[in-house]
């Protein structure tokens, strides 16, 4: 019983961390698009770049919501969230030394890893 309770507590902590990573990723992607990229112009406002950042923000919000309500679909949402976060991070990394874009890419990578682990652990 104690081992089962410990495992459940560990899974609970992992889910809570994944939820927080998704919420943080949602926030930085949305904030970067609306307050940074628009002001920067040029490559920052390319439609493919804006689209992937908005896709990333939205799937992160969905995944967090699915986990918060213990949806039966949260494993699948986490799997696609990891994929989209990886693509968003790759896209943001192409801006080189741009601090805001690097911060966004780093958060996307963190979220992708967390969601990937959640999808694998719960599958």
C-alpha atoms as a PDB file:
ATOM      1  CA  UNK A   1       0.000   0.000   0.000  1.00  0.00           C
ATOM      2  CA  UNK A   2       2.780   2.478   0.902  1.00  0.00           C
ATOM      3  CA  UNK A   3       4.604   1.875  -2.408  1.00  0.00           C
ATOM      4  CA  UNK A   4       1.394   2.357  -4.380  1.00  0.00           C
ATOM      5  CA  UNK A   5       0.685   5.587  -2.493  1.00  0.00           C
ATOM      6  CA  UNK A   6       4.258   6.815  -3.144  1.00  0.00           C
ATOM      7  CA  UNK A   7       3.917   6.066  -6.870  1.00  0.00           C
ATOM      8  CA  UNK A   8       0.580   7.885  -6.990  1.00  0.00           C
ATOM      9  CA  UNK A   9       2.153  10.882  -5.231  1.00  0.00           C
ATOM     10  CA  UNK A  10       5.030  10.919  -7.750  1.00  0.00           C
ATOM     11  CA  UNK A  11       2.609  10.731 -10.696  1.00  0.00           C
ATOM     12  CA  UNK A  12       0.579  13.538  -9.134  1.00  0.00           C
ATOM     13  CA  UNK A  13       3.706  15.725  -8.854  1.00  0.00           C
ATOM     14  CA  UNK A  14       4.638  14.973 -12.473  1.00  0.00           C
ATOM     15  CA  UNK A  15       1.144  15.899 -13.655  1.00  0.00           C
ATOM     16  CA  UNK A  16       1.230  19.130 -11.626  1.00  0.00           C
ATOM     17  CA  UNK A  17       4.630  20.014 -13.108  1.00  0.00           C
ATOM     18  CA  UNK A  18       3.416  19.248 -16.626  1.00  0.00           C
ATOM     19  CA  UNK A  19       0.336  21.420 -16.080  1.00  0.00           C
ATOM     20  CA  UNK A  20       2.542  24.274 -14.872  1.00  0.00           C
ATOM     21  CA  UNK A  21       4.908  23.858 -17.843  1.00  0.00           C
ATOM     22  CA  UNK A  22       1.954  23.959 -20.234  1.00  0.00           C
ATOM     23  CA  UNK A  23       0.556  27.090 -18.593  1.00  0.00           C
ATOM     24  CA  UNK A  24       3.977  28.775 -18.647  1.00  0.00           C
ATOM     25  CA  UNK A  25       4.509  27.843 -22.288  1.00  0.00           C
ATOM     26  CA  UNK A  26       1.048  29.097 -23.215  1.00  0.00           C
ATOM     27  CA  UNK A  27       1.784  32.376 -21.481  1.00  0.00           C
ATOM     28  CA  UNK A  28       5.217  33.021 -23.002  1.00  0.00           C
ATOM     29  CA  UNK A  29       4.140  32.070 -26.537  1.00  0.00           C
ATOM     30  CA  UNK A  30       1.038  34.237 -26.443  1.00  0.00           C
ATOM     31  CA  UNK A  31       2.823  37.142 -24.786  1.00  0.00           C
ATOM     32  CA  UNK A  32       5.775  36.942 -27.198  1.00  0.00           C
ATOM     33  CA  UNK A  33       3.516  36.976 -30.253  1.00  0.00           C
ATOM     34  CA  UNK A  34       1.265  39.791 -29.103  1.00  0.00           C
ATOM     35  CA  UNK A  35       3.715  42.128 -27.395  1.00  0.00           C
ATOM     36  CA  UNK A  36       7.095  41.331 -28.895  1.00  0.00           C
ATOM     37  CA  UNK A  37       6.879  39.888 -32.396  1.00  0.00           C
ATOM     38  CA  UNK A  38       4.342  42.437 -33.574  1.00  0.00           C
ATOM     39  CA  UNK A  39       6.578  45.278 -32.376  1.00  0.00           C
ATOM     40  CA  UNK A  40       9.714  43.758 -33.929  1.00  0.00           C
ATOM     41  CA  UNK A  41       8.248  43.302 -37.406  1.00  0.00           C
ATOM     42  CA  UNK A  42      10.292  41.689 -40.196  1.00  0.00           C
ATOM     43  CA  UNK A  43      10.897  37.937 -39.686  1.00  0.00           C
ATOM     44  CA  UNK A  44       9.066  38.087 -36.358  1.00  0.00           C
ATOM     45  CA  UNK A  45       5.775  38.699 -38.148  1.00  0.00           C
ATOM     46  CA  UNK A  46       6.011  36.015 -40.833  1.00  0.00           C
ATOM     47  CA  UNK A  47       2.733  34.144 -40.995  1.00  0.00           C
ATOM     48  CA  UNK A  48       4.285  30.694 -40.440  1.00  0.00           C
ATOM     49  CA  UNK A  49       6.089  31.958 -37.343  1.00  0.00           C
ATOM     50  CA  UNK A  50       2.992  33.596 -35.878  1.00  0.00           C
ATOM     51  CA  UNK A  51       0.889  30.541 -36.702  1.00  0.00           C
ATOM     52  CA  UNK A  52       3.179  28.022 -34.947  1.00  0.00           C
ATOM     53  CA  UNK A  53       3.466  30.231 -31.878  1.00  0.00           C
ATOM     54  CA  UNK A  54      -0.311  30.583 -31.637  1.00  0.00           C
ATOM     55  CA  UNK A  55      -0.756  26.845 -32.269  1.00  0.00           C
ATOM     56  CA  UNK A  56       1.718  26.154 -29.486  1.00  0.00           C
ATOM     57  CA  UNK A  57       0.002  28.516 -27.055  1.00  0.00           C
ATOM     58  CA  UNK A  58      -3.373  26.964 -27.778  1.00  0.00           C
ATOM     59  CA  UNK A  59      -2.352  23.297 -27.523  1.00  0.00           C
ATOM     60  CA  UNK A  60      -0.557  24.055 -24.258  1.00  0.00           C
ATOM     61  CA  UNK A  61      -3.743  25.580 -22.858  1.00  0.00           C
ATOM     62  CA  UNK A  62      -5.775  22.589 -24.045  1.00  0.00           C
ATOM     63  CA  UNK A  63      -3.334  20.084 -22.569  1.00  0.00           C
ATOM     64  CA  UNK A  64      -3.285  21.886 -19.227  1.00  0.00           C
ATOM     65  CA  UNK A  65      -7.079  21.953 -19.168  1.00  0.00           C
ATOM     66  CA  UNK A  66      -7.306  18.247 -20.062  1.00  0.00           C
ATOM     67  CA  UNK A  67      -4.913  17.331 -17.247  1.00  0.00           C
ATOM     68  CA  UNK A  68      -6.671  19.621 -14.757  1.00  0.00           C
ATOM     69  CA  UNK A  69      -9.973  17.880 -15.321  1.00  0.00           C
ATOM     70  CA  UNK A  70      -8.405  14.411 -15.613  1.00  0.00           C
ATOM     71  CA  UNK A  71      -9.691  13.970 -19.151  1.00  0.00           C
ATOM     72  CA  UNK A  72      -9.301  10.546 -20.718  1.00  0.00           C
ATOM     73  CA  UNK A  73      -7.715  12.335 -23.690  1.00  0.00           C
ATOM     74  CA  UNK A  74      -4.890  14.086 -21.844  1.00  0.00           C
ATOM     75  CA  UNK A  75      -2.323  11.491 -22.950  1.00  0.00           C
ATOM     76  CA  UNK A  76      -3.118  12.209 -26.589  1.00  0.00           C
ATOM     77  CA  UNK A  77      -3.197  15.967 -26.084  1.00  0.00           C
ATOM     78  CA  UNK A  78       0.195  15.804 -24.354  1.00  0.00           C
ATOM     79  CA  UNK A  79       1.662  13.820 -27.251  1.00  0.00           C
ATOM     80  CA  UNK A  80       0.605  16.389 -29.854  1.00  0.00           C
ATOM     81  CA  UNK A  81       1.550  19.215 -27.485  1.00  0.00           C
ATOM     82  CA  UNK A  82       5.115  17.852 -27.313  1.00  0.00           C
ATOM     83  CA  UNK A  83       5.317  17.723 -31.103  1.00  0.00           C
ATOM     84  CA  UNK A  84       4.021  21.262 -31.582  1.00  0.00           C
ATOM     85  CA  UNK A  85       6.214  22.655 -28.793  1.00  0.00           C
ATOM     86  CA  UNK A  86       9.290  21.104 -30.442  1.00  0.00           C
ATOM     87  CA  UNK A  87       8.396  22.734 -33.757  1.00  0.00           C
ATOM     88  CA  UNK A  88       7.760  26.074 -32.107  1.00  0.00           C
ATOM     89  CA  UNK A  89      11.106  25.887 -30.305  1.00  0.00           C
ATOM     90  CA  UNK A  90      12.886  25.120 -33.592  1.00  0.00           C
ATOM     91  CA  UNK A  91      11.154  28.069 -35.209  1.00  0.00           C
ATOM     92  CA  UNK A  92      12.019  30.444 -32.359  1.00  0.00           C
ATOM     93  CA  UNK A  93      15.650  29.297 -32.315  1.00  0.00           C
ATOM     94  CA  UNK A  94      16.208  30.577 -35.844  1.00  0.00           C
ATOM     95  CA  UNK A  95      16.294  34.120 -34.436  1.00  0.00           C
ATOM     96  CA  UNK A  96      19.790  33.555 -33.060  1.00  0.00           C
ATOM     97  CA  UNK A  97      20.734  35.790 -30.131  1.00  0.00           C
ATOM     98  CA  UNK A  98      17.271  37.315 -29.706  1.00  0.00           C
ATOM     99  CA  UNK A  99      16.747  36.995 -25.943  1.00  0.00           C
ATOM    100  CA  UNK A 100      12.930  36.899 -26.023  1.00  0.00           C
ATOM    101  CA  UNK A 101      12.820  34.285 -28.780  1.00  0.00           C
ATOM    102  CA  UNK A 102      15.405  32.161 -26.951  1.00  0.00           C
ATOM    103  CA  UNK A 103      13.379  32.337 -23.735  1.00  0.00           C
ATOM    104  CA  UNK A 104      10.308  31.232 -25.663  1.00  0.00           C
ATOM    105  CA  UNK A 105      12.215  28.380 -27.334  1.00  0.00           C
ATOM    106  CA  UNK A 106      13.607  27.223 -23.984  1.00  0.00           C
ATOM    107  CA  UNK A 107      10.140  27.142 -22.408  1.00  0.00           C
ATOM    108  CA  UNK A 108       8.762  25.281 -25.430  1.00  0.00           C
ATOM    109  CA  UNK A 109      11.492  22.645 -25.079  1.00  0.00           C
ATOM    110  CA  UNK A 110      10.789  22.268 -21.366  1.00  0.00           C
ATOM    111  CA  UNK A 111       7.078  21.839 -22.020  1.00  0.00           C
ATOM    112  CA  UNK A 112       7.716  19.409 -24.877  1.00  0.00           C
ATOM    113  CA  UNK A 113       9.846  17.205 -22.646  1.00  0.00           C
ATOM    114  CA  UNK A 114       7.324  17.286 -19.823  1.00  0.00           C
ATOM    115  CA  UNK A 115       4.426  16.454 -22.149  1.00  0.00           C
ATOM    116  CA  UNK A 116       6.407  13.717 -23.885  1.00  0.00           C
ATOM    117  CA  UNK A 117       7.129  12.100 -20.497  1.00  0.00           C
ATOM    118  CA  UNK A 118       3.474  12.410 -19.513  1.00  0.00           C
ATOM    119  CA  UNK A 119       2.312  10.824 -22.751  1.00  0.00           C
ATOM    120  CA  UNK A 120       4.751   7.931 -22.408  1.00  0.00           C
ATOM    121  CA  UNK A 121       4.146   7.347 -18.703  1.00  0.00           C
ATOM    122  CA  UNK A 122       0.371   7.268 -18.992  1.00  0.00           C
ATOM    123  CA  UNK A 123       0.075   5.425 -22.317  1.00  0.00           C
END
